[in-house]
Amino acid sequence: MKSPWKYYRKPRMMIISYPGNPVTALANREFFEEVVEFAKLHNILVVHDFAYSELIFDHNPQISFLSVPGAKEVGIEFNSLSKTFNMAGCRIAYVSGNEQAVAALASFKSHIDYGIFYPIQAAAVKALTSDFSFFKSQVSEYERRRDALIAGLEKSGWHVAKSPATMFVWAKIPAGFSSRRFAFELIDRAGVAVVPGDAFGKLGEGYVRIALVQPPERLSEAAERIQSYLMEAVITK
């Protein structure tokens, strides 16, 4: 891996997230091996957010950063119960990896946190000691939602890449729109809410994020509404 340090001040930490939000890309083992090598070479801490560890589709491998040799020497990995166990809003997660980094985080949090509401802790213990039998059906449901939405959008001529993971679709918008204008017009004229890509930074321009948080039937309906809007937009032009 080529070093960019002659162009930047040397950082102390690298934050990565695969699969991530809003971009739903996956990292392979070779990528993580490069990250470990890079971190060792430049003496930086790697922080990997693995919140969507159980929402990976199409039988793609679920690769933990910490499963790569040497990763525990240079990094830590976070996971959240928000996505895996549908505990969004409970603000409960866990971290593992480099002993020094975990100890430093524990010390820091002891000065800013007062602990988590006990019933939430009990629910988390129950979740983490379960047999995880529902994971397969949960992943299948999100795949059904993704496929229903994308199939519906294809009918309108809007070709969207299949998300390999997470509860989102990251979609390149049709030509002739900005992300924000497209998102606002979908709300006003189709009654469908999406998030404009530029809300995540300037590199998100040209995309929108669509959440797979409704059943397949509702997502198919949303796709039909979008189809009607796009046809009307073409006629208007």
Protein backbone atom coordinates (compact mmCIF):
# COMPACT_ATOMS: atom_id res chain seq x y z
CA MET A 1 0.00 0.00 0.00
CA LYS A 2 1.45 3.39 -0.99
CA SER A 3 1.97 5.81 1.88
CA PRO A 4 0.17 9.20 1.66
CA TRP A 5 1.90 10.62 4.75
CA LYS A 6 4.00 13.15 2.84
CA TYR A 7 0.73 14.92 2.02
CA TYR A 8 -0.94 14.85 5.45
CA ARG A 9 -0.14 15.28 9.09
CA LYS A 10 0.30 11.88 10.68
CA PRO A 11 -2.99 10.74 12.24
CA ARG A 12 -3.33 8.68 15.40
CA MET A 13 -6.48 6.79 14.43
CA MET A 14 -8.18 5.28 11.38
CA ILE A 15 -11.94 4.72 11.53
CA ILE A 16 -13.46 2.22 9.10
CA SER A 17 -16.89 0.64 8.82
CA TYR A 18 -17.71 -2.36 6.62
CA PRO A 19 -20.49 -2.80 5.78
CA GLY A 20 -21.31 0.83 6.39
CA ASN A 21 -24.01 3.45 6.26
CA PRO A 22 -24.95 5.02 3.87
CA VAL A 23 -22.65 3.25 1.42
CA THR A 24 -23.36 -0.45 1.85
CA ALA A 25 -20.05 -1.79 0.51
CA LEU A 26 -18.36 -4.86 1.96
CA ALA A 27 -14.66 -5.29 2.65
CA ASN A 28 -12.85 -8.51 1.87
CA ARG A 29 -10.15 -10.18 3.98
CA GLU A 30 -7.38 -8.85 1.73
CA PHE A 31 -8.50 -5.29 2.43
CA PHE A 32 -8.40 -5.83 6.19
CA GLU A 33 -4.96 -7.43 5.88
CA GLU A 34 -3.74 -4.27 4.12
CA VAL A 35 -5.26 -2.13 6.87
CA VAL A 36 -3.40 -4.12 9.54
CA GLU A 37 -0.13 -3.80 7.63
CA PHE A 38 -0.70 -0.07 7.14
CA ALA A 39 -1.52 0.47 10.83
CA LYS A 40 1.61 -1.39 11.97
CA LEU A 41 3.79 0.55 9.56
CA HIS A 42 2.53 3.95 10.75
CA ASN A 43 1.72 3.12 14.38
CA ILE A 44 -1.95 4.12 14.29
CA LEU A 45 -5.02 2.70 16.00
CA VAL A 46 -7.71 1.15 13.81
CA VAL A 47 -11.32 1.48 14.95
CA HIS A 48 -13.75 -0.74 13.04
CA ASP A 49 -17.49 -0.22 13.35
CA PHE A 50 -19.13 -3.60 12.61
CA ALA A 51 -22.69 -2.62 13.48
CA TYR A 52 -24.23 -4.46 10.50
CA SER A 53 -22.38 -7.71 11.11
CA GLU A 54 -25.55 -9.83 10.87
CA LEU A 55 -27.23 -7.96 8.01
CA ILE A 56 -25.08 -9.29 5.16
CA PHE A 57 -26.91 -10.74 2.17
CA ASP A 58 -26.59 -13.25 -0.65
CA HIS A 59 -24.38 -15.58 1.39
CA ASN A 60 -21.50 -13.08 1.39
CA PRO A 61 -18.97 -13.83 4.15
CA GLN A 62 -19.28 -12.00 7.47
CA ILE A 63 -15.70 -10.92 8.08
CA SER A 64 -14.74 -9.40 11.40
CA PHE A 65 -11.72 -7.13 11.30
CA LEU A 66 -10.44 -8.83 14.44
CA SER A 67 -10.42 -12.21 12.67
CA VAL A 68 -7.45 -11.04 10.58
CA PRO A 69 -4.01 -11.96 12.02
CA GLY A 70 -2.45 -8.97 13.76
CA ALA A 71 -5.67 -6.96 13.97
CA LYS A 72 -5.92 -7.26 17.77
CA GLU A 73 -2.48 -5.68 18.05
CA VAL A 74 -3.48 -2.54 16.16
CA GLY A 75 -7.22 -2.13 16.54
CA ILE A 76 -10.57 -2.50 18.21
CA GLU A 77 -13.98 -3.41 16.84
CA PHE A 78 -17.35 -2.06 17.90
CA ASN A 79 -20.67 -3.82 17.50
CA SER A 80 -24.13 -2.60 18.35
CA LEU A 81 -27.30 -4.33 19.45
CA SER A 82 -29.27 -1.66 17.59
CA LYS A 83 -29.25 -3.45 14.25
CA THR A 84 -28.53 -7.07 15.05
CA PHE A 85 -31.14 -7.33 17.80
CA ASN A 86 -33.46 -4.47 16.77
CA MET A 87 -32.61 -2.45 19.88
CA ALA A 88 -32.23 0.91 18.14
CA GLY A 89 -32.51 3.76 20.62
CA CYS A 90 -31.34 1.65 23.56
CA ARG A 91 -27.78 2.89 23.00
CA ILE A 92 -26.08 -0.33 23.97
CA ALA A 93 -23.07 -1.88 22.29
CA TYR A 94 -19.77 -3.58 23.01
CA VAL A 95 -16.14 -3.31 21.96
CA SER A 96 -13.23 -5.74 21.87
CA GLY A 97 -9.68 -5.84 20.62
CA ASN A 98 -6.46 -4.11 21.66
CA GLU A 99 -6.21 -4.25 25.46
CA GLN A 100 -4.71 -0.78 25.90
CA ALA A 101 -7.28 0.88 23.67
CA VAL A 102 -10.20 -0.84 25.38
CA ALA A 103 -8.84 0.15 28.81
CA ALA A 104 -8.44 3.78 27.71
CA LEU A 105 -12.01 3.83 26.41
CA ALA A 106 -13.30 2.30 29.65
CA SER A 107 -11.46 4.96 31.67
CA PHE A 108 -12.81 7.76 29.50
CA LYS A 109 -16.38 6.50 29.65
CA SER A 110 -16.18 6.18 33.43
CA HIS A 111 -15.89 9.98 33.51
CA ILE A 112 -18.77 10.75 31.14
CA ASP A 113 -21.29 7.91 31.60
CA TYR A 114 -23.46 6.86 34.52
CA GLY A 115 -24.34 3.41 33.27
CA ILE A 116 -27.20 2.01 31.19
CA PHE A 117 -30.75 1.56 32.49
CA TYR A 118 -30.77 -1.90 34.09
CA PRO A 119 -33.74 -3.36 32.11
CA ILE A 120 -31.87 -2.53 28.90
CA GLN A 121 -28.79 -4.33 30.23
CA ALA A 122 -30.95 -7.34 31.08
CA ALA A 123 -32.44 -7.32 27.57
CA ALA A 124 -28.95 -7.17 26.09
CA VAL A 125 -27.81 -10.14 28.18
CA LYS A 126 -30.86 -12.10 27.04
CA ALA A 127 -30.11 -11.23 23.41
CA LEU A 128 -26.42 -12.13 23.58
CA THR A 129 -27.07 -15.45 25.32
CA SER A 130 -29.84 -16.50 22.92
CA ASP A 131 -29.38 -19.16 20.25
CA PHE A 132 -29.42 -16.52 17.46
CA SER A 133 -31.92 -18.66 15.57
CA PHE A 134 -33.80 -15.65 14.24
CA PHE A 135 -30.81 -14.22 12.35
CA LYS A 136 -31.49 -16.27 9.23
CA SER A 137 -35.14 -15.21 8.96
CA GLN A 138 -34.25 -11.59 9.68
CA VAL A 139 -31.67 -11.50 6.90
CA SER A 140 -34.13 -13.19 4.52
CA GLU A 141 -36.73 -10.54 5.31
CA TYR A 142 -34.35 -7.69 4.53
CA GLU A 143 -33.33 -9.42 1.30
CA ARG A 144 -37.01 -9.68 0.32
CA ARG A 145 -37.47 -5.98 1.01
CA ARG A 146 -34.39 -5.04 -0.98
CA ASP A 147 -35.40 -7.20 -3.94
CA ALA A 148 -38.98 -5.90 -3.95
CA LEU A 149 -37.83 -2.30 -3.99
CA ILE A 150 -35.17 -2.76 -6.66
CA ALA A 151 -37.48 -4.82 -8.90
CA GLY A 152 -40.09 -2.07 -8.68
CA LEU A 153 -37.58 0.65 -9.50
CA GLU A 154 -36.33 -1.34 -12.49
CA LYS A 155 -39.83 -1.09 -14.01
CA SER A 156 -39.51 2.68 -14.00
CA GLY A 157 -36.13 2.51 -15.73
CA TRP A 158 -34.27 3.45 -12.57
CA HIS A 159 -31.51 0.86 -12.33
CA VAL A 160 -30.23 0.57 -8.78
CA ALA A 161 -27.38 -1.64 -7.56
CA LYS A 162 -28.29 -4.39 -5.08
CA SER A 163 -27.07 -3.66 -1.58
CA PRO A 164 -24.85 -6.50 -0.36
CA ALA A 165 -25.60 -5.60 3.27
CA THR A 166 -27.29 -3.27 5.82
CA MET A 167 -30.88 -2.01 5.92
CA PHE A 168 -30.34 0.57 3.18
CA VAL A 169 -30.07 0.98 -0.57
CA TRP A 170 -27.54 3.53 -1.84
CA ALA A 171 -28.96 4.58 -5.19
CA LYS A 172 -27.46 6.67 -7.97
CA ILE A 173 -30.20 9.07 -9.00
CA PRO A 174 -31.47 9.58 -12.57
CA ALA A 175 -29.65 12.16 -14.67
CA GLY A 176 -30.83 15.74 -14.57
CA PHE A 177 -31.36 16.04 -10.81
CA SER A 178 -29.37 17.07 -7.78
CA SER A 179 -29.70 14.78 -4.78
CA ARG A 180 -31.59 17.36 -2.76
CA ARG A 181 -33.98 18.38 -5.53
CA PHE A 182 -34.73 14.74 -6.32
CA ALA A 183 -35.41 13.93 -2.66
CA PHE A 184 -37.69 16.95 -2.18
CA GLU A 185 -39.66 16.21 -5.33
CA LEU A 186 -40.18 12.58 -4.29
CA ILE A 187 -41.70 13.83 -1.03
CA ASP A 188 -43.86 16.49 -2.66
CA ARG A 189 -45.00 14.61 -5.76
CA ALA A 190 -44.76 10.91 -4.87
CA GLY A 191 -45.16 10.89 -1.10
CA VAL A 192 -41.93 8.90 -0.72
CA ALA A 193 -39.17 9.93 1.69
CA VAL A 194 -35.51 9.30 0.89
CA VAL A 195 -32.35 10.94 2.24
CA PRO A 196 -30.33 13.06 -0.23
CA GLY A 197 -26.79 11.83 -0.57
CA ASP A 198 -25.24 15.24 0.04
CA ALA A 199 -26.55 15.06 3.62
CA PHE A 200 -23.63 12.66 4.20
CA GLY A 201 -21.05 14.96 2.61
CA LYS A 202 -20.21 16.38 -0.79
CA LEU A 203 -19.16 12.98 -2.17
CA GLY A 204 -22.75 11.80 -1.65
CA GLU A 205 -24.05 14.15 -4.32
CA GLY A 206 -25.74 12.20 -7.10
CA TYR A 207 -27.15 9.55 -4.73
CA VAL A 208 -29.98 9.00 -2.30
CA ARG A 209 -30.29 6.57 0.59
CA ILE A 210 -33.47 4.51 0.84
CA ALA A 211 -34.24 2.64 4.07
CA LEU A 212 -35.58 -0.92 3.97
CA VAL A 213 -37.66 -0.43 7.11
CA GLN A 214 -41.06 -1.27 5.59
CA PRO A 215 -42.44 -4.63 4.45
CA PRO A 216 -41.98 -5.67 0.79
CA GLU A 217 -45.55 -4.68 -0.11
CA ARG A 218 -45.03 -1.09 1.08
CA LEU A 219 -41.69 -0.86 -0.68
CA SER A 220 -43.29 -2.09 -3.90
CA GLU A 221 -45.93 0.60 -3.48
CA ALA A 222 -43.20 3.20 -2.98
CA ALA A 223 -41.51 2.01 -6.18
CA GLU A 224 -44.82 2.36 -8.07
CA ARG A 225 -45.22 5.91 -6.81
CA ILE A 226 -41.69 6.73 -7.87
CA GLN A 227 -42.37 5.18 -11.27
CA SER A 228 -45.42 7.42 -11.74
CA TYR A 229 -43.42 10.47 -10.73
CA LEU A 230 -40.52 9.67 -13.09
CA MET A 231 -42.88 9.11 -16.00
CA GLU A 232 -44.56 12.44 -15.26
CA ALA A 233 -41.17 14.16 -14.98
CA VAL A 234 -40.11 12.81 -18.39
CA ILE A 235 -43.38 13.98 -19.99
CA THR A 236 -43.02 17.41 -18.37
CA LYS A 237 -39.51 17.77 -19.73
